[in-house]
N, C-alpha and C. Protein backbone atom coordinates (compact mmCIF):
# COMPACT_ATOMS: atom_id res chain seq x y z
N MET A 1 80.15 82.65 103.68
CA MET A 1 81.38 83.36 103.42
C MET A 1 81.14 84.85 103.33
N THR A 2 81.97 85.57 104.04
CA THR A 2 81.83 87.04 104.02
C THR A 2 82.64 87.67 102.76
N ASP A 3 82.14 88.74 102.24
CA ASP A 3 82.56 89.29 101.03
C ASP A 3 83.80 90.11 101.42
N LYS A 4 84.55 90.36 100.32
CA LYS A 4 85.90 91.14 100.53
C LYS A 4 85.70 92.60 101.12
N ALA A 5 84.61 93.23 100.68
CA ALA A 5 84.42 94.62 101.20
C ALA A 5 84.09 94.64 102.64
N THR A 6 83.33 93.64 103.16
CA THR A 6 83.05 93.51 104.61
C THR A 6 84.31 93.12 105.30
N LEU A 7 85.13 92.23 104.82
CA LEU A 7 86.32 91.86 105.47
C LEU A 7 87.31 93.11 105.57
N ARG A 8 87.37 93.92 104.51
CA ARG A 8 88.20 95.16 104.52
C ARG A 8 87.77 96.05 105.60
N ARG A 9 86.45 96.30 105.73
CA ARG A 9 85.84 97.05 106.82
C ARG A 9 86.27 96.61 108.23
N LEU A 10 86.10 95.37 108.42
CA LEU A 10 86.47 94.69 109.70
C LEU A 10 87.90 94.84 109.94
N ALA A 11 88.79 94.63 108.90
CA ALA A 11 90.24 94.71 109.23
C ALA A 11 90.61 96.06 109.45
N ARG A 12 89.96 97.15 108.96
CA ARG A 12 90.28 98.54 109.26
C ARG A 12 89.92 98.93 110.68
N LEU A 13 89.19 98.12 111.35
CA LEU A 13 88.70 98.35 112.68
C LEU A 13 89.82 97.78 113.76
N LEU A 14 90.73 96.97 113.27
CA LEU A 14 91.70 96.33 114.04
C LEU A 14 92.88 97.35 114.35
N THR A 15 93.51 97.05 115.39
CA THR A 15 94.71 97.95 115.81
C THR A 15 95.78 97.96 114.55
N PRO A 16 96.29 99.06 114.19
CA PRO A 16 97.27 99.02 113.05
C PRO A 16 98.53 98.33 113.66
N ALA A 17 99.49 98.10 112.71
CA ALA A 17 100.64 97.45 113.14
C ALA A 17 101.51 98.40 113.92
N THR A 18 102.14 97.70 115.06
CA THR A 18 102.98 98.45 115.89
C THR A 18 104.41 98.28 115.54
N PRO A 19 105.26 99.11 116.05
CA PRO A 19 106.85 98.82 115.80
C PRO A 19 107.13 97.47 116.34
N ASP A 20 106.61 97.03 117.48
CA ASP A 20 106.96 95.71 118.08
C ASP A 20 106.41 94.63 117.04
N ASP A 21 105.21 94.75 116.51
CA ASP A 21 104.74 93.74 115.47
C ASP A 21 105.68 93.68 114.30
N SER A 22 106.14 94.89 113.78
CA SER A 22 107.08 94.93 112.66
C SER A 22 108.39 94.25 112.95
N ARG A 23 108.92 94.51 114.15
CA ARG A 23 110.24 93.94 114.54
C ARG A 23 110.04 92.40 114.57
N ARG A 24 108.87 91.90 115.20
CA ARG A 24 108.76 90.43 115.37
C ARG A 24 108.55 89.67 114.02
N VAL A 25 107.64 90.35 113.12
CA VAL A 25 107.45 89.80 111.88
C VAL A 25 108.74 89.71 110.98
N THR A 26 109.46 90.90 111.10
CA THR A 26 110.78 90.89 110.17
C THR A 26 111.69 89.86 110.81
N SER A 27 111.79 89.60 112.10
CA SER A 27 112.69 88.51 112.60
C SER A 27 112.31 87.14 112.07
N ARG A 28 111.00 86.88 111.92
CA ARG A 28 110.59 85.62 111.37
C ARG A 28 110.74 85.60 109.87
N LEU A 29 110.63 86.71 109.19
CA LEU A 29 110.74 86.85 107.76
C LEU A 29 112.19 86.48 107.32
N LYS A 30 113.06 86.97 108.16
CA LYS A 30 114.58 86.68 107.93
C LYS A 30 114.76 85.18 107.56
N ASP A 31 114.24 84.30 108.43
CA ASP A 31 114.48 82.94 108.24
C ASP A 31 113.65 82.30 107.14
N ALA A 32 112.51 82.94 106.85
CA ALA A 32 111.49 82.44 105.84
C ALA A 32 111.95 82.61 104.39
N ILE A 33 112.84 83.54 104.16
CA ILE A 33 113.22 84.01 102.83
C ILE A 33 114.02 82.87 102.10
N GLY A 34 114.89 82.05 102.72
CA GLY A 34 115.65 81.07 102.09
C GLY A 34 116.94 81.71 101.40
N GLU A 35 117.21 81.18 100.30
CA GLU A 35 118.49 81.42 99.50
C GLU A 35 118.30 82.35 98.38
N ALA A 36 117.30 83.28 98.44
CA ALA A 36 117.14 84.27 97.40
C ALA A 36 118.37 85.16 97.04
N ARG A 37 118.51 85.44 95.87
CA ARG A 37 119.59 86.37 95.37
C ARG A 37 119.08 87.82 95.19
N SER A 38 117.75 87.83 94.91
CA SER A 38 117.13 89.23 94.72
C SER A 38 115.71 89.11 95.34
N GLY A 39 115.30 90.25 95.80
CA GLY A 39 114.07 90.37 96.49
C GLY A 39 113.40 91.72 96.34
N CYS A 40 112.05 91.75 96.49
CA CYS A 40 111.40 92.98 96.45
C CYS A 40 110.54 93.18 97.78
N VAL A 41 110.80 94.19 98.47
CA VAL A 41 110.05 94.50 99.68
C VAL A 41 109.33 95.79 99.51
N TYR A 42 108.12 95.85 100.03
CA TYR A 42 107.32 97.10 99.88
C TYR A 42 107.71 98.18 101.03
N LEU A 43 107.49 99.40 100.73
CA LEU A 43 107.73 100.43 101.76
C LEU A 43 106.31 100.72 102.22
N PRO A 44 106.13 100.58 103.63
CA PRO A 44 104.88 100.64 104.18
C PRO A 44 103.98 101.91 104.07
N MET A 45 102.66 101.74 103.94
CA MET A 45 101.69 102.81 104.09
C MET A 45 101.43 102.92 105.57
N PRO A 46 100.93 104.04 105.92
CA PRO A 46 100.63 104.28 107.37
C PRO A 46 99.79 103.07 107.93
N GLY A 47 100.27 102.56 109.10
CA GLY A 47 99.43 101.49 109.74
C GLY A 47 99.79 100.09 109.25
N GLU A 48 100.68 100.03 108.23
CA GLU A 48 101.11 98.72 107.71
C GLU A 48 102.31 98.21 108.46
N LEU A 49 102.64 96.92 108.50
CA LEU A 49 103.85 96.41 109.01
C LEU A 49 105.04 97.06 108.24
N ASP A 50 106.09 97.44 108.98
CA ASP A 50 107.33 97.91 108.29
C ASP A 50 108.35 96.85 108.50
N VAL A 51 108.47 96.18 107.46
CA VAL A 51 109.45 95.09 107.42
C VAL A 51 110.70 95.41 106.59
N SER A 52 110.85 96.66 106.26
CA SER A 52 112.05 97.17 105.44
C SER A 52 113.31 96.86 106.09
N ALA A 53 113.45 96.56 107.43
CA ALA A 53 114.73 96.26 108.00
C ALA A 53 115.28 94.92 107.45
N ILE A 54 114.41 94.16 106.84
CA ILE A 54 114.90 92.81 106.26
C ILE A 54 116.06 93.14 105.27
N THR A 55 116.13 94.38 104.67
CA THR A 55 117.26 94.61 103.86
C THR A 55 118.60 94.64 104.54
N GLU A 56 118.52 94.98 105.89
CA GLU A 56 119.79 95.00 106.79
C GLU A 56 119.99 93.56 107.29
N LEU A 57 119.02 92.83 107.58
CA LEU A 57 119.04 91.54 108.17
C LEU A 57 119.58 90.41 107.14
N ARG A 58 119.22 90.67 105.89
CA ARG A 58 119.67 89.85 104.78
C ARG A 58 120.37 90.65 103.65
N PRO A 59 121.52 91.09 103.99
CA PRO A 59 122.30 92.01 103.11
C PRO A 59 122.83 91.35 101.87
N SER A 60 122.84 90.02 101.82
CA SER A 60 123.33 89.30 100.71
C SER A 60 122.29 89.29 99.50
N VAL A 61 121.06 89.63 99.86
CA VAL A 61 119.94 89.70 98.84
C VAL A 61 120.03 91.11 98.19
N GLU A 62 119.97 91.08 96.79
CA GLU A 62 119.86 92.46 96.14
C GLU A 62 118.38 92.90 96.22
N TRP A 63 118.12 93.90 97.07
CA TRP A 63 116.79 94.36 97.31
C TRP A 63 116.26 95.48 96.39
N HIS A 64 114.90 95.33 96.10
CA HIS A 64 114.24 96.29 95.27
C HIS A 64 112.90 96.67 96.01
N THR A 65 112.19 97.63 95.49
CA THR A 65 110.98 98.01 95.97
C THR A 65 110.01 98.50 94.90
N THR A 66 108.79 98.76 95.18
CA THR A 66 107.81 99.13 94.23
C THR A 66 107.48 100.71 94.21
N ARG A 67 107.08 101.06 93.02
CA ARG A 67 106.53 102.45 92.79
C ARG A 67 105.18 102.30 92.11
N THR A 68 104.18 103.20 92.63
CA THR A 68 102.96 103.16 91.97
C THR A 68 103.10 104.07 90.67
N VAL A 69 102.95 103.38 89.58
CA VAL A 69 103.06 104.14 88.26
C VAL A 69 101.82 104.81 87.86
N ASN A 70 100.66 104.23 87.98
CA ASN A 70 99.34 104.83 87.72
C ASN A 70 98.31 104.19 88.56
N ARG A 71 97.15 104.25 88.18
CA ARG A 71 95.98 103.71 89.02
C ARG A 71 95.88 102.18 88.95
N SER A 72 96.78 101.58 88.19
CA SER A 72 96.61 100.10 88.07
C SER A 72 98.00 99.30 88.10
N THR A 73 99.11 100.02 88.13
CA THR A 73 100.31 99.44 87.90
C THR A 73 101.39 99.67 88.87
N LEU A 74 102.14 98.80 89.38
CA LEU A 74 103.35 98.97 90.17
C LEU A 74 104.61 98.54 89.30
N SER A 75 105.64 99.36 89.47
CA SER A 75 106.95 99.01 88.89
C SER A 75 107.90 98.71 89.98
N VAL A 76 109.10 98.12 89.54
CA VAL A 76 110.04 97.64 90.53
C VAL A 76 111.30 98.37 90.34
N HIS A 77 112.03 98.90 91.38
CA HIS A 77 113.13 99.65 91.33
C HIS A 77 114.15 99.28 92.37
N PRO A 78 115.49 99.60 92.27
CA PRO A 78 116.46 99.22 93.34
C PRO A 78 116.06 99.93 94.61
N ILE A 79 116.28 99.33 95.69
CA ILE A 79 115.92 99.74 97.08
C ILE A 79 116.71 101.14 97.29
N ASP A 80 117.85 101.27 96.83
CA ASP A 80 118.55 102.43 97.10
C ASP A 80 118.30 103.60 96.06
N SER A 81 117.12 103.64 95.52
CA SER A 81 116.66 104.72 94.67
C SER A 81 116.41 105.91 95.49
N GLU A 82 116.29 107.04 94.89
CA GLU A 82 115.94 108.29 95.54
C GLU A 82 114.36 108.11 95.70
N TYR A 83 113.82 108.68 96.98
CA TYR A 83 112.48 108.51 97.27
C TYR A 83 111.60 109.88 97.32
N GLU A 84 110.29 109.67 97.18
CA GLU A 84 109.36 110.81 97.26
C GLU A 84 108.13 110.25 98.04
N LEU A 85 107.42 111.33 98.57
CA LEU A 85 106.27 110.83 99.43
C LEU A 85 104.98 110.71 98.43
N HIS A 86 104.44 109.48 98.32
CA HIS A 86 103.24 109.26 97.68
C HIS A 86 102.12 110.01 98.39
N THR A 87 101.07 110.40 97.62
CA THR A 87 99.86 111.09 98.21
C THR A 87 99.15 110.24 99.32
N PHE A 88 99.35 108.98 99.34
CA PHE A 88 98.73 108.03 100.40
C PHE A 88 99.69 108.03 101.64
N GLY A 89 100.77 108.75 101.68
CA GLY A 89 101.65 108.84 102.85
C GLY A 89 102.74 107.83 102.98
N TYR A 90 103.26 107.16 101.93
CA TYR A 90 104.23 106.29 102.06
C TYR A 90 105.43 106.64 100.95
N GLN A 91 106.55 106.25 101.25
CA GLN A 91 107.74 106.56 100.43
C GLN A 91 107.73 105.59 99.22
N GLN A 92 108.22 106.17 98.10
CA GLN A 92 108.33 105.35 96.91
C GLN A 92 109.55 105.89 96.06
N PRO A 93 110.01 105.07 95.10
CA PRO A 93 111.09 105.72 94.21
C PRO A 93 110.55 106.81 93.45
N VAL A 94 111.39 107.78 93.24
CA VAL A 94 110.89 108.94 92.28
C VAL A 94 110.67 108.39 90.85
N ALA A 95 109.85 109.13 90.16
CA ALA A 95 109.64 108.90 88.74
C ALA A 95 110.95 109.04 88.05
N GLY A 96 111.20 108.13 87.06
CA GLY A 96 112.43 108.11 86.37
C GLY A 96 113.57 107.27 86.92
N SER A 97 113.29 106.69 88.18
CA SER A 97 114.31 105.82 88.85
C SER A 97 114.46 104.65 87.89
N PRO A 98 115.75 104.07 88.00
CA PRO A 98 115.93 102.87 87.08
C PRO A 98 114.92 101.82 87.42
N GLU A 99 114.43 101.19 86.45
CA GLU A 99 113.48 100.16 86.57
C GLU A 99 113.97 98.70 86.35
N VAL A 100 113.41 97.74 87.19
CA VAL A 100 113.91 96.42 87.10
C VAL A 100 112.75 95.55 86.64
N ALA A 101 113.07 94.53 85.87
CA ALA A 101 111.92 93.66 85.35
C ALA A 101 111.49 92.70 86.58
N PRO A 102 110.19 92.56 86.66
CA PRO A 102 109.79 91.65 87.68
C PRO A 102 110.33 90.23 87.61
N THR A 103 110.81 89.82 86.48
CA THR A 103 111.31 88.56 86.20
C THR A 103 112.58 88.30 86.91
N VAL A 104 113.33 89.34 87.30
CA VAL A 104 114.65 89.10 87.98
C VAL A 104 114.45 88.86 89.56
N ILE A 105 113.22 89.01 90.05
CA ILE A 105 113.04 88.84 91.54
C ILE A 105 112.85 87.44 91.89
N ASP A 106 113.61 86.93 93.01
CA ASP A 106 113.43 85.61 93.44
C ASP A 106 112.35 85.49 94.56
N VAL A 107 112.24 86.44 95.41
CA VAL A 107 111.38 86.51 96.53
C VAL A 107 110.64 87.83 96.58
N TRP A 108 109.26 87.79 96.70
CA TRP A 108 108.53 88.90 96.84
C TRP A 108 107.92 88.99 98.26
N VAL A 109 108.14 90.13 99.05
CA VAL A 109 107.52 90.33 100.31
C VAL A 109 106.28 91.30 100.11
N VAL A 110 105.07 90.73 100.37
CA VAL A 110 103.86 91.40 99.92
C VAL A 110 102.99 91.77 101.16
N PRO A 111 102.54 92.97 101.13
CA PRO A 111 101.61 93.45 102.35
C PRO A 111 100.22 93.03 101.92
N GLY A 112 99.32 93.24 102.90
CA GLY A 112 97.85 93.07 102.74
C GLY A 112 97.10 93.54 103.90
N VAL A 113 95.87 93.73 103.54
CA VAL A 113 94.85 94.17 104.69
C VAL A 113 94.66 92.99 105.61
N ALA A 114 94.61 91.76 104.97
CA ALA A 114 94.43 90.53 105.73
C ALA A 114 94.81 89.36 104.97
N PHE A 115 95.17 88.21 105.55
CA PHE A 115 95.42 86.96 104.88
C PHE A 115 94.66 85.91 105.52
N ASP A 116 94.65 84.73 104.87
CA ASP A 116 94.19 83.51 105.56
C ASP A 116 95.30 82.46 105.68
N ALA A 117 95.14 81.46 106.29
CA ALA A 117 96.22 80.44 106.51
C ALA A 117 96.52 79.63 105.21
N GLU A 118 95.63 79.80 104.16
CA GLU A 118 95.89 79.14 102.93
C GLU A 118 96.67 80.07 101.94
N GLY A 119 97.00 81.21 102.40
CA GLY A 119 97.80 82.06 101.58
C GLY A 119 97.02 83.05 100.72
N HIS A 120 95.78 83.10 100.93
CA HIS A 120 94.94 84.06 100.27
C HIS A 120 95.09 85.51 100.86
N ARG A 121 95.14 86.41 99.95
CA ARG A 121 95.52 87.75 100.43
C ARG A 121 94.27 88.69 100.19
N LEU A 122 93.96 89.53 101.04
CA LEU A 122 93.09 90.64 100.94
C LEU A 122 93.73 91.93 100.89
N GLY A 123 93.84 92.60 99.68
CA GLY A 123 94.48 93.87 99.51
C GLY A 123 93.48 95.08 99.65
N HIS A 124 93.82 96.21 99.21
CA HIS A 124 92.97 97.23 99.27
C HIS A 124 91.87 97.33 98.22
N GLY A 125 91.94 96.37 97.32
CA GLY A 125 90.88 96.24 96.29
C GLY A 125 91.15 96.89 95.01
N MET A 126 92.44 97.24 94.73
CA MET A 126 92.68 97.80 93.49
C MET A 126 93.46 96.84 92.60
N GLY A 127 93.98 95.73 92.99
CA GLY A 127 94.61 94.70 92.32
C GLY A 127 96.13 95.02 91.95
N TYR A 128 96.63 96.04 92.47
CA TYR A 128 98.04 96.37 92.21
C TYR A 128 99.01 95.16 92.26
N TYR A 129 99.03 94.50 93.45
CA TYR A 129 99.96 93.42 93.62
C TYR A 129 99.65 92.17 92.81
N ASP A 130 98.28 91.88 92.57
CA ASP A 130 97.93 90.74 91.73
C ASP A 130 98.49 90.91 90.37
N ARG A 131 98.35 92.05 89.80
CA ARG A 131 98.86 92.41 88.47
C ARG A 131 100.37 92.34 88.40
N LEU A 132 101.02 92.91 89.39
CA LEU A 132 102.53 92.81 89.54
C LEU A 132 102.97 91.36 89.57
N LEU A 133 102.40 90.59 90.48
CA LEU A 133 102.91 89.32 90.68
C LEU A 133 102.60 88.30 89.53
N GLU A 134 101.67 88.62 88.72
CA GLU A 134 101.37 87.94 87.54
C GLU A 134 102.51 88.04 86.54
N ARG A 135 103.25 89.10 86.61
CA ARG A 135 104.43 89.39 85.73
C ARG A 135 105.78 88.72 86.37
N ALA A 136 105.70 88.28 87.54
CA ALA A 136 106.85 87.63 88.14
C ALA A 136 107.40 86.43 87.41
N ARG A 137 108.58 86.11 87.57
CA ARG A 137 109.14 84.98 86.98
C ARG A 137 108.52 83.68 87.65
N PRO A 138 108.29 82.63 86.87
CA PRO A 138 107.68 81.44 87.47
C PRO A 138 108.77 80.89 88.32
N GLY A 139 108.27 80.42 89.60
CA GLY A 139 109.28 79.84 90.42
C GLY A 139 109.75 80.85 91.56
N SER A 140 109.43 82.11 91.33
CA SER A 140 109.70 83.12 92.41
C SER A 140 108.72 82.81 93.58
N GLU A 141 109.17 83.28 94.78
CA GLU A 141 108.36 82.91 95.95
C GLU A 141 107.70 84.17 96.49
N PHE A 142 106.30 84.04 96.83
CA PHE A 142 105.53 85.06 97.22
C PHE A 142 105.25 84.89 98.77
N ILE A 143 105.76 85.87 99.57
CA ILE A 143 105.58 85.83 100.96
C ILE A 143 104.72 86.89 101.46
N GLY A 144 103.61 86.59 102.07
CA GLY A 144 102.72 87.64 102.76
C GLY A 144 103.09 87.89 104.11
N VAL A 145 103.08 89.14 104.60
CA VAL A 145 103.40 89.48 105.93
C VAL A 145 102.10 90.07 106.55
N THR A 146 101.91 89.64 107.74
CA THR A 146 100.64 90.21 108.46
C THR A 146 100.81 89.92 110.01
N THR A 147 99.87 90.41 110.75
CA THR A 147 99.89 90.20 112.14
C THR A 147 98.76 89.02 112.43
N GLU A 148 98.95 88.32 113.51
CA GLU A 148 97.93 87.24 113.93
C GLU A 148 96.50 87.87 113.95
N ARG A 149 96.28 89.07 114.31
CA ARG A 149 94.98 89.59 114.32
C ARG A 149 94.38 89.88 112.97
N ARG A 150 95.23 89.91 111.95
CA ARG A 150 94.82 90.11 110.64
C ARG A 150 94.83 88.74 109.79
N LEU A 151 95.01 87.62 110.49
CA LEU A 151 94.89 86.41 109.89
C LEU A 151 93.40 85.85 110.02
N PHE A 152 92.72 85.88 109.00
CA PHE A 152 91.21 85.61 108.96
C PHE A 152 91.08 84.08 108.60
N PRO A 153 90.00 83.61 109.12
CA PRO A 153 89.64 82.14 108.79
C PRO A 153 89.57 81.84 107.20
N ASN A 154 89.06 82.79 106.45
CA ASN A 154 88.83 82.53 105.04
C ASN A 154 88.74 83.92 104.28
N ILE A 155 89.64 84.09 103.25
CA ILE A 155 89.53 85.24 102.33
C ILE A 155 88.99 84.79 101.14
N PRO A 156 87.89 85.41 100.73
CA PRO A 156 87.28 85.03 99.36
C PRO A 156 88.42 85.30 98.28
N HIS A 157 88.36 84.52 97.29
CA HIS A 157 89.39 84.63 96.21
C HIS A 157 88.86 84.20 94.87
N GLY A 158 89.38 84.73 93.75
CA GLY A 158 89.06 84.42 92.53
C GLY A 158 90.28 83.95 91.66
N SER A 159 90.00 83.76 90.47
CA SER A 159 91.15 83.25 89.58
C SER A 159 92.20 84.42 89.39
N HIS A 160 91.84 85.65 89.58
CA HIS A 160 92.80 86.73 89.32
C HIS A 160 93.62 87.04 90.65
N ASP A 161 93.22 86.44 91.72
CA ASP A 161 93.97 86.62 92.96
C ASP A 161 95.14 85.71 93.02
N VAL A 162 96.37 86.32 93.30
CA VAL A 162 97.59 85.53 93.38
C VAL A 162 97.83 85.11 94.78
N PRO A 163 97.80 83.76 95.14
CA PRO A 163 98.04 83.36 96.52
C PRO A 163 99.55 83.49 96.83
N MET A 164 99.79 83.39 98.11
CA MET A 164 101.10 83.41 98.71
C MET A 164 101.57 82.00 99.01
N GLU A 165 102.80 81.68 98.87
CA GLU A 165 103.27 80.43 99.23
C GLU A 165 103.66 80.26 100.71
N VAL A 166 103.87 81.52 101.31
CA VAL A 166 104.28 81.62 102.72
C VAL A 166 103.50 82.85 103.28
N VAL A 167 103.09 82.66 104.56
CA VAL A 167 102.49 83.84 105.29
C VAL A 167 103.25 83.87 106.67
N VAL A 168 103.83 84.98 106.88
CA VAL A 168 104.60 85.27 108.04
C VAL A 168 103.89 86.19 109.03
N THR A 169 103.66 85.79 110.33
CA THR A 169 103.08 86.65 111.33
C THR A 169 104.24 86.90 112.33
N GLU A 170 103.83 87.61 113.37
CA GLU A 170 104.71 87.82 114.60
C GLU A 170 104.98 86.46 115.34
N GLU A 171 103.99 85.52 115.14
CA GLU A 171 104.05 84.28 115.92
C GLU A 171 104.55 83.10 115.18
N ARG A 172 104.38 83.02 113.91
CA ARG A 172 104.63 81.81 113.10
C ARG A 172 104.79 82.02 111.63
N VAL A 173 105.30 81.00 111.02
CA VAL A 173 105.45 80.99 109.51
C VAL A 173 104.57 79.85 108.95
N LEU A 174 103.62 80.30 108.15
CA LEU A 174 102.63 79.35 107.55
C LEU A 174 103.07 79.02 106.22
N ARG A 175 103.04 77.79 105.80
CA ARG A 175 103.44 77.42 104.48
C ARG A 175 102.18 76.53 103.87
N PRO A 176 101.14 77.26 103.34
CA PRO A 176 100.00 76.62 102.90
C PRO A 176 100.25 75.47 101.85
């Protein structure tokens, strides 16, 4: 089994997500969401899939997004918040935006450096999403989005790693 640091290095050598990848994954994501009333979708870092168009494809869902609060915490805010540019190059709600409790979210759309077919996720190594999803309402659904080239045979995982119930790529929807 390869360790997480090695897998992150390998994943960073792969072609970043393209606009076509984003469009195709978002199209599959639309049908994977189900009957959610509320959802949280990330705003992409450079090179990540941009699935934010899901808010237009599923307008009946009350959409939210995340803000990096500090070096260990993400908060949840309405998608129509005012935005600012994070130092890592992605948009996020400005400080002081109205905050939403993670327990009101029905479906979480989660990014990752890589995933495996069992729903295990490899993030950037800081644990932001694992800590956020631990605060989610029991029964809410976790959907990871990635490209086929970032779907690895096996992602090492521990008890603190929160698995996805669904993984969506540009070619298929996996339900581990």
